[in-house]
């Protein structure tokens, strides 16, 4: 797509990024998706890419976090008005360039009904990991140890 720029996130992008995440159901503060966590993840060796249109508006995102063992690719999303135009492919390609340069395995989670994303990821070589269920504790105050 013409006039689309893929670049590194800056704090000034947070409002536009949050809008894309809300519209695509990718993130919210209850999940720890806030500016402090983003900046911390970048400092720990991760990267957050944004796609912007010709006016500089954030229209897509790809967040790579690093845990010291592998890179987790998540929050790959495109504003609904810009979907199906190759922007997800551009973001994924640039994300995998980062992964390859870092030299670590990459893992992602995708909802089983998101067939467009699954097909895109398979085109880049991702393989289904197996019959794993994912569990999470978001509210740490509920931990009784």
N, C-alpha and C. Protein backbone atom coordinates (compact mmCIF):
# COMPACT_ATOMS: atom_id res chain seq x y z
N UNK A 1 0.84 -1.18 0.00
CA UNK A 1 0.00 0.00 0.00
C UNK A 1 0.88 1.24 0.00
N UNK A 2 0.47 2.23 -0.74
CA UNK A 2 1.25 3.46 -0.87
C UNK A 2 1.23 4.29 0.41
N UNK A 3 2.32 4.98 0.64
CA UNK A 3 2.42 5.96 1.72
C UNK A 3 2.20 5.38 3.11
N UNK A 4 2.50 4.13 3.30
CA UNK A 4 2.45 3.51 4.62
C UNK A 4 3.88 3.41 5.13
N UNK A 5 4.10 3.85 6.33
CA UNK A 5 5.42 3.79 6.95
C UNK A 5 5.38 2.81 8.11
N UNK A 6 6.38 1.94 8.18
CA UNK A 6 6.55 1.04 9.32
C UNK A 6 7.76 1.58 10.09
N UNK A 7 7.55 1.89 11.36
CA UNK A 7 8.64 2.48 12.15
C UNK A 7 8.49 2.06 13.61
N UNK A 8 9.52 2.38 14.39
CA UNK A 8 9.49 2.10 15.82
C UNK A 8 8.51 3.02 16.54
N UNK A 9 7.88 2.46 17.54
CA UNK A 9 6.95 3.17 18.41
C UNK A 9 7.67 4.27 19.16
N UNK A 10 6.98 5.39 19.36
CA UNK A 10 7.42 6.43 20.29
C UNK A 10 6.27 6.68 21.26
N UNK A 11 6.54 7.20 22.44
CA UNK A 11 5.46 7.46 23.39
C UNK A 11 4.33 8.32 22.82
N UNK A 12 4.66 9.21 21.88
CA UNK A 12 3.62 10.04 21.26
C UNK A 12 2.60 9.21 20.47
N UNK A 13 2.96 7.97 20.13
CA UNK A 13 2.07 7.09 19.37
C UNK A 13 1.03 6.39 20.24
N UNK A 14 1.14 6.51 21.56
CA UNK A 14 0.34 5.67 22.44
C UNK A 14 -1.17 5.84 22.24
N UNK A 15 -1.64 7.06 22.06
CA UNK A 15 -3.08 7.27 21.89
C UNK A 15 -3.58 6.57 20.62
N UNK A 16 -2.89 6.75 19.52
CA UNK A 16 -3.29 6.09 18.28
C UNK A 16 -3.17 4.58 18.35
N UNK A 17 -2.11 4.12 19.00
CA UNK A 17 -1.92 2.68 19.19
C UNK A 17 -3.05 2.10 20.02
N UNK A 18 -3.43 2.80 21.08
CA UNK A 18 -4.53 2.34 21.94
C UNK A 18 -5.83 2.25 21.15
N UNK A 19 -6.06 3.19 20.25
CA UNK A 19 -7.27 3.16 19.43
C UNK A 19 -7.29 1.91 18.55
N UNK A 20 -6.16 1.61 17.91
CA UNK A 20 -6.08 0.42 17.06
C UNK A 20 -6.31 -0.83 17.89
N UNK A 21 -5.69 -0.91 19.07
CA UNK A 21 -5.85 -2.07 19.93
C UNK A 21 -7.30 -2.22 20.39
N UNK A 22 -7.96 -1.12 20.68
CA UNK A 22 -9.36 -1.19 21.11
C UNK A 22 -10.24 -1.65 19.96
N UNK A 23 -10.04 -1.10 18.78
CA UNK A 23 -10.86 -1.45 17.61
C UNK A 23 -10.65 -2.90 17.16
N UNK A 24 -9.47 -3.44 17.41
CA UNK A 24 -9.15 -4.80 16.98
C UNK A 24 -9.22 -5.80 18.14
N UNK A 25 -9.61 -5.32 19.32
CA UNK A 25 -9.76 -6.18 20.49
C UNK A 25 -8.44 -6.85 20.89
N UNK A 26 -7.34 -6.13 20.72
CA UNK A 26 -6.03 -6.69 21.01
C UNK A 26 -5.51 -6.38 22.40
N UNK A 27 -5.85 -5.25 22.94
CA UNK A 27 -5.24 -4.91 24.21
C UNK A 27 -6.08 -3.94 25.00
N UNK A 28 -5.77 -3.88 26.27
CA UNK A 28 -6.40 -2.90 27.14
C UNK A 28 -5.59 -2.82 28.43
N UNK A 29 -5.76 -1.76 29.20
CA UNK A 29 -4.98 -1.60 30.43
C UNK A 29 -5.13 -2.76 31.40
N UNK A 30 -6.28 -3.42 31.45
CA UNK A 30 -6.47 -4.55 32.37
C UNK A 30 -5.52 -5.70 32.03
N UNK A 31 -5.06 -5.76 30.79
CA UNK A 31 -4.11 -6.79 30.38
C UNK A 31 -2.67 -6.34 30.57
N UNK A 32 -2.47 -5.16 31.11
CA UNK A 32 -1.11 -4.65 31.27
C UNK A 32 -0.61 -3.94 30.04
N UNK A 33 -1.52 -3.54 29.17
CA UNK A 33 -1.13 -2.86 27.93
C UNK A 33 -1.16 -1.36 28.15
N UNK A 34 -0.12 -0.88 28.83
CA UNK A 34 -0.03 0.55 29.09
C UNK A 34 1.36 1.05 28.69
N UNK A 35 1.53 2.34 28.69
CA UNK A 35 2.78 2.93 28.21
C UNK A 35 3.98 2.47 29.02
N UNK A 36 3.84 2.38 30.33
CA UNK A 36 4.97 1.94 31.17
C UNK A 36 5.43 0.53 30.79
N UNK A 37 4.48 -0.38 30.60
CA UNK A 37 4.83 -1.76 30.24
C UNK A 37 5.46 -1.80 28.85
N UNK A 38 4.92 -1.03 27.94
CA UNK A 38 5.50 -0.99 26.59
C UNK A 38 6.95 -0.55 26.66
N UNK A 39 7.21 0.55 27.36
CA UNK A 39 8.58 1.08 27.43
C UNK A 39 9.50 0.10 28.15
N UNK A 40 9.00 -0.56 29.18
CA UNK A 40 9.79 -1.57 29.89
C UNK A 40 10.13 -2.73 28.96
N UNK A 41 9.18 -3.18 28.17
CA UNK A 41 9.43 -4.31 27.28
C UNK A 41 10.45 -3.95 26.21
N UNK A 42 10.43 -2.71 25.76
CA UNK A 42 11.43 -2.27 24.78
C UNK A 42 12.81 -2.23 25.42
N UNK A 43 12.89 -1.73 26.65
CA UNK A 43 14.17 -1.68 27.37
C UNK A 43 14.72 -3.08 27.63
N UNK A 44 13.84 -4.08 27.72
CA UNK A 44 14.27 -5.46 27.97
C UNK A 44 14.65 -6.20 26.69
N UNK A 45 14.69 -5.49 25.57
CA UNK A 45 15.12 -6.11 24.32
C UNK A 45 14.01 -6.37 23.32
N UNK A 46 12.82 -5.90 23.62
CA UNK A 46 11.71 -6.06 22.68
C UNK A 46 11.65 -4.90 21.71
N UNK A 47 10.59 -4.91 20.94
CA UNK A 47 10.40 -3.85 19.95
C UNK A 47 8.90 -3.73 19.67
N UNK A 48 8.46 -2.53 19.45
CA UNK A 48 7.08 -2.28 19.07
C UNK A 48 7.10 -1.45 17.80
N UNK A 49 6.49 -2.00 16.76
CA UNK A 49 6.40 -1.32 15.48
C UNK A 49 5.01 -0.73 15.31
N UNK A 50 4.95 0.40 14.63
CA UNK A 50 3.67 0.97 14.24
C UNK A 50 3.69 1.19 12.74
N UNK A 51 2.54 1.02 12.14
CA UNK A 51 2.33 1.40 10.74
C UNK A 51 1.55 2.71 10.79
N UNK A 52 1.99 3.68 10.01
CA UNK A 52 1.30 4.96 9.96
C UNK A 52 0.91 5.29 8.53
N UNK A 53 -0.19 6.04 8.40
CA UNK A 53 -0.61 6.46 7.07
C UNK A 53 0.08 7.76 6.70
N UNK A 54 -0.29 8.33 5.56
CA UNK A 54 0.39 9.53 5.07
C UNK A 54 0.22 10.74 5.99
N UNK A 55 -0.80 10.75 6.84
CA UNK A 55 -0.98 11.83 7.82
C UNK A 55 -0.27 11.54 9.14
N UNK A 56 0.39 10.39 9.23
CA UNK A 56 1.09 10.03 10.46
C UNK A 56 0.23 9.34 11.49
N UNK A 57 -1.02 9.01 11.13
CA UNK A 57 -1.92 8.33 12.06
C UNK A 57 -1.52 6.86 12.18
N UNK A 58 -1.50 6.35 13.42
CA UNK A 58 -1.21 4.94 13.66
C UNK A 58 -2.37 4.11 13.13
N UNK A 59 -2.06 3.18 12.23
CA UNK A 59 -3.10 2.33 11.64
C UNK A 59 -2.79 0.84 11.82
N UNK A 60 -1.64 0.54 12.41
CA UNK A 60 -1.29 -0.86 12.64
C UNK A 60 -0.18 -0.98 13.66
N UNK A 61 -0.08 -2.18 14.26
CA UNK A 61 0.94 -2.41 15.30
C UNK A 61 1.46 -3.83 15.24
N UNK A 62 2.65 -4.01 15.73
CA UNK A 62 3.24 -5.33 15.96
C UNK A 62 4.20 -5.20 17.13
N UNK A 63 3.94 -5.96 18.18
CA UNK A 63 4.71 -5.86 19.42
C UNK A 63 5.48 -7.15 19.63
N UNK A 64 6.77 -7.02 19.80
CA UNK A 64 7.64 -8.16 20.07
C UNK A 64 8.24 -7.98 21.45
N UNK A 65 7.98 -8.93 22.33
CA UNK A 65 8.57 -8.89 23.66
C UNK A 65 9.60 -10.03 23.75
N UNK A 66 10.58 -9.82 24.59
CA UNK A 66 11.69 -10.76 24.72
C UNK A 66 11.80 -11.21 26.16
N UNK A 67 11.80 -12.52 26.37
CA UNK A 67 11.88 -13.04 27.74
C UNK A 67 13.23 -13.67 28.06
N UNK A 68 14.22 -13.46 27.19
CA UNK A 68 15.54 -14.04 27.40
C UNK A 68 15.69 -15.41 26.76
N UNK A 69 14.59 -15.98 26.34
CA UNK A 69 14.60 -17.31 25.73
C UNK A 69 14.04 -17.29 24.32
N UNK A 70 12.97 -16.53 24.13
CA UNK A 70 12.37 -16.41 22.80
C UNK A 70 11.67 -15.07 22.70
N UNK A 71 11.33 -14.73 21.49
CA UNK A 71 10.58 -13.50 21.22
C UNK A 71 9.12 -13.88 21.05
N UNK A 72 8.26 -13.13 21.67
CA UNK A 72 6.83 -13.33 21.55
C UNK A 72 6.27 -12.23 20.65
N UNK A 73 5.64 -12.63 19.59
CA UNK A 73 5.03 -11.70 18.64
C UNK A 73 3.55 -11.60 18.98
N UNK A 74 3.10 -10.41 19.27
CA UNK A 74 1.70 -10.24 19.61
C UNK A 74 1.24 -8.83 19.28
N UNK A 75 -0.05 -8.62 19.45
CA UNK A 75 -0.67 -7.33 19.14
C UNK A 75 -0.40 -6.90 17.70
N UNK A 76 -0.38 -7.89 16.81
CA UNK A 76 -0.29 -7.59 15.38
C UNK A 76 -1.71 -7.28 14.94
N UNK A 77 -1.95 -6.04 14.63
CA UNK A 77 -3.30 -5.65 14.26
C UNK A 77 -3.31 -4.43 13.37
N UNK A 78 -4.36 -4.33 12.60
CA UNK A 78 -4.52 -3.23 11.65
C UNK A 78 -5.91 -2.61 11.85
N UNK A 79 -5.95 -1.32 11.87
CA UNK A 79 -7.20 -0.57 11.98
C UNK A 79 -8.20 -1.13 10.97
N UNK A 80 -9.45 -1.36 11.38
CA UNK A 80 -10.44 -1.98 10.48
C UNK A 80 -10.57 -1.31 9.10
N UNK A 81 -10.42 0.00 9.02
CA UNK A 81 -10.53 0.68 7.72
C UNK A 81 -9.36 0.39 6.79
N UNK A 82 -8.29 -0.19 7.32
CA UNK A 82 -7.09 -0.45 6.52
C UNK A 82 -6.79 -1.94 6.36
N UNK A 83 -7.67 -2.78 6.86
CA UNK A 83 -7.44 -4.22 6.78
C UNK A 83 -7.57 -4.71 5.34
N UNK A 84 -6.92 -5.85 5.08
CA UNK A 84 -6.93 -6.54 3.77
C UNK A 84 -6.24 -5.72 2.68
N UNK A 85 -5.23 -4.92 3.11
CA UNK A 85 -4.49 -4.11 2.15
C UNK A 85 -2.99 -4.39 2.20
N UNK A 86 -2.60 -5.46 2.90
CA UNK A 86 -1.19 -5.85 2.96
C UNK A 86 -0.41 -5.26 4.11
N UNK A 87 -1.04 -4.49 4.98
CA UNK A 87 -0.32 -3.85 6.08
C UNK A 87 0.10 -4.87 7.13
N UNK A 88 -0.75 -5.85 7.41
CA UNK A 88 -0.38 -6.93 8.33
C UNK A 88 0.83 -7.69 7.82
N UNK A 89 0.89 -7.90 6.52
CA UNK A 89 2.04 -8.57 5.90
C UNK A 89 3.31 -7.73 6.07
N UNK A 90 3.20 -6.43 5.86
CA UNK A 90 4.36 -5.54 6.04
C UNK A 90 4.84 -5.57 7.49
N UNK A 91 3.91 -5.49 8.42
CA UNK A 91 4.28 -5.52 9.84
C UNK A 91 4.92 -6.85 10.23
N UNK A 92 4.35 -7.94 9.74
CA UNK A 92 4.90 -9.27 10.07
C UNK A 92 6.29 -9.43 9.48
N UNK A 93 6.47 -9.01 8.24
CA UNK A 93 7.79 -9.12 7.60
C UNK A 93 8.84 -8.33 8.38
N UNK A 94 8.51 -7.10 8.75
CA UNK A 94 9.47 -6.28 9.49
C UNK A 94 9.72 -6.87 10.88
N UNK A 95 8.70 -7.43 11.49
CA UNK A 95 8.87 -8.07 12.80
C UNK A 95 9.82 -9.26 12.70
N UNK A 96 9.67 -10.05 11.65
CA UNK A 96 10.53 -11.22 11.48
C UNK A 96 11.96 -10.84 11.13
N UNK A 97 12.15 -9.70 10.53
CA UNK A 97 13.53 -9.19 10.33
C UNK A 97 14.18 -8.94 11.68
N UNK A 98 13.43 -8.35 12.59
CA UNK A 98 13.93 -8.11 13.94
C UNK A 98 14.23 -9.44 14.64
N UNK A 99 13.32 -10.40 14.52
CA UNK A 99 13.49 -11.71 15.14
C UNK A 99 14.76 -12.37 14.62
N UNK A 100 14.93 -12.36 13.31
CA UNK A 100 16.10 -13.01 12.71
C UNK A 100 17.39 -12.34 13.16
N UNK A 101 17.40 -11.01 13.22
CA UNK A 101 18.59 -10.29 13.67
C UNK A 101 18.89 -10.59 15.14
N UNK A 102 17.86 -10.77 15.94
CA UNK A 102 18.04 -11.09 17.36
C UNK A 102 18.57 -12.51 17.55
N UNK A 103 18.13 -13.42 16.67
CA UNK A 103 18.65 -14.79 16.72
C UNK A 103 17.94 -15.72 17.69
N UNK A 104 16.70 -15.42 18.03
CA UNK A 104 15.95 -16.26 18.96
C UNK A 104 14.70 -16.80 18.28
N UNK A 105 14.17 -17.91 18.82
CA UNK A 105 12.90 -18.44 18.33
C UNK A 105 11.80 -17.39 18.52
N UNK A 106 10.77 -17.52 17.71
CA UNK A 106 9.63 -16.62 17.84
C UNK A 106 8.36 -17.44 18.02
N UNK A 107 7.50 -16.96 18.89
CA UNK A 107 6.25 -17.65 19.21
C UNK A 107 5.13 -16.63 19.18
N UNK A 108 3.96 -17.08 18.77
CA UNK A 108 2.80 -16.20 18.81
C UNK A 108 1.57 -16.98 19.18
N UNK A 109 0.57 -16.26 19.61
CA UNK A 109 -0.74 -16.83 19.88
C UNK A 109 -1.72 -16.13 18.96
N UNK A 110 -2.64 -16.90 18.41
CA UNK A 110 -3.66 -16.33 17.53
C UNK A 110 -4.97 -17.08 17.82
N UNK A 111 -6.05 -16.34 17.81
CA UNK A 111 -7.34 -16.98 18.07
C UNK A 111 -7.66 -17.95 16.95
N UNK A 112 -8.12 -19.13 17.32
CA UNK A 112 -8.34 -20.19 16.33
C UNK A 112 -9.34 -19.83 15.25
N UNK A 113 -10.18 -18.81 15.48
CA UNK A 113 -11.14 -18.41 14.44
C UNK A 113 -10.62 -17.29 13.55
N UNK A 114 -9.42 -16.81 13.83
CA UNK A 114 -8.84 -15.72 13.03
C UNK A 114 -8.10 -16.32 11.84
N UNK A 115 -8.85 -16.81 10.89
CA UNK A 115 -8.29 -17.54 9.75
C UNK A 115 -7.38 -16.68 8.88
N UNK A 116 -7.69 -15.41 8.73
CA UNK A 116 -6.84 -14.53 7.92
C UNK A 116 -5.44 -14.43 8.54
N UNK A 117 -5.39 -14.24 9.85
CA UNK A 117 -4.09 -14.15 10.52
C UNK A 117 -3.35 -15.48 10.47
N UNK A 118 -4.07 -16.57 10.70
CA UNK A 118 -3.44 -17.89 10.66
C UNK A 118 -2.82 -18.14 9.29
N UNK A 119 -3.56 -17.83 8.24
CA UNK A 119 -3.02 -18.01 6.89
C UNK A 119 -1.81 -17.14 6.64
N UNK A 120 -1.84 -15.91 7.12
CA UNK A 120 -0.69 -15.02 6.97
C UNK A 120 0.53 -15.60 7.68
N UNK A 121 0.36 -16.01 8.92
CA UNK A 121 1.49 -16.54 9.68
C UNK A 121 2.05 -17.82 9.06
N UNK A 122 1.18 -18.67 8.56
CA UNK A 122 1.65 -19.89 7.90
C UNK A 122 2.49 -19.55 6.66
N UNK A 123 2.12 -18.50 5.94
CA UNK A 123 2.89 -18.09 4.77
C UNK A 123 4.31 -17.67 5.14
N UNK A 124 4.49 -17.22 6.36
CA UNK A 124 5.82 -16.82 6.84
C UNK A 124 6.55 -17.97 7.52
N UNK A 125 5.93 -19.16 7.58
CA UNK A 125 6.61 -20.33 8.12
C UNK A 125 6.22 -20.74 9.52
N UNK A 126 5.29 -20.04 10.15
CA UNK A 126 4.84 -20.46 11.48
C UNK A 126 4.11 -21.78 11.37
N UNK A 127 4.29 -22.61 12.38
CA UNK A 127 3.64 -23.92 12.43
C UNK A 127 2.84 -24.02 13.72
N UNK A 128 1.74 -24.73 13.64
CA UNK A 128 0.90 -24.97 14.80
C UNK A 128 1.69 -25.75 15.84
N UNK A 129 1.70 -25.29 17.07
CA UNK A 129 2.53 -25.89 18.12
C UNK A 129 1.92 -27.15 18.70
N UNK A 130 0.63 -27.26 18.72
CA UNK A 130 0.02 -28.46 19.29
C UNK A 130 -1.23 -28.13 20.05
N UNK A 131 -1.72 -29.10 20.72
CA UNK A 131 -2.99 -28.94 21.45
C UNK A 131 -2.75 -28.38 22.85
N UNK A 132 -2.29 -27.15 22.91
CA UNK A 132 -2.04 -26.51 24.19
C UNK A 132 -3.17 -25.55 24.51
N UNK A 133 -3.58 -25.51 25.76
CA UNK A 133 -4.49 -24.49 26.24
C UNK A 133 -3.65 -23.45 26.97
N UNK A 134 -4.03 -22.21 26.87
CA UNK A 134 -3.30 -21.13 27.50
C UNK A 134 -4.06 -20.68 28.74
N UNK A 135 -3.37 -20.56 29.85
CA UNK A 135 -3.95 -20.12 31.11
C UNK A 135 -3.20 -18.88 31.57
N UNK A 136 -3.90 -18.00 32.28
CA UNK A 136 -3.27 -16.76 32.75
C UNK A 136 -3.90 -16.33 34.06
N UNK A 137 -3.12 -15.66 34.89
CA UNK A 137 -3.62 -14.95 36.07
C UNK A 137 -3.35 -13.49 35.81
N UNK A 138 -4.39 -12.70 35.68
CA UNK A 138 -4.23 -11.26 35.44
C UNK A 138 -4.27 -10.47 36.74
N UNK A 139 -5.12 -10.89 37.66
CA UNK A 139 -5.28 -10.19 38.92
C UNK A 139 -4.45 -10.89 39.98
N UNK A 140 -3.28 -10.36 40.25
CA UNK A 140 -2.35 -11.00 41.18
C UNK A 140 -2.84 -10.97 42.62
N UNK A 141 -3.80 -10.10 42.93
CA UNK A 141 -4.33 -10.05 44.30
C UNK A 141 -5.10 -11.33 44.63
N UNK A 142 -5.50 -12.08 43.63
CA UNK A 142 -6.21 -13.33 43.86
C UNK A 142 -5.32 -14.51 44.14
N UNK A 143 -4.02 -14.33 44.09
CA UNK A 143 -3.09 -15.43 44.36
C UNK A 143 -2.98 -15.62 45.86
N UNK A 144 -3.26 -16.82 46.32
CA UNK A 144 -3.24 -17.12 47.74
C UNK A 144 -2.09 -18.10 48.00
N UNK A 145 -0.91 -17.53 48.25
CA UNK A 145 0.26 -18.38 48.53
C UNK A 145 0.95 -17.93 49.79
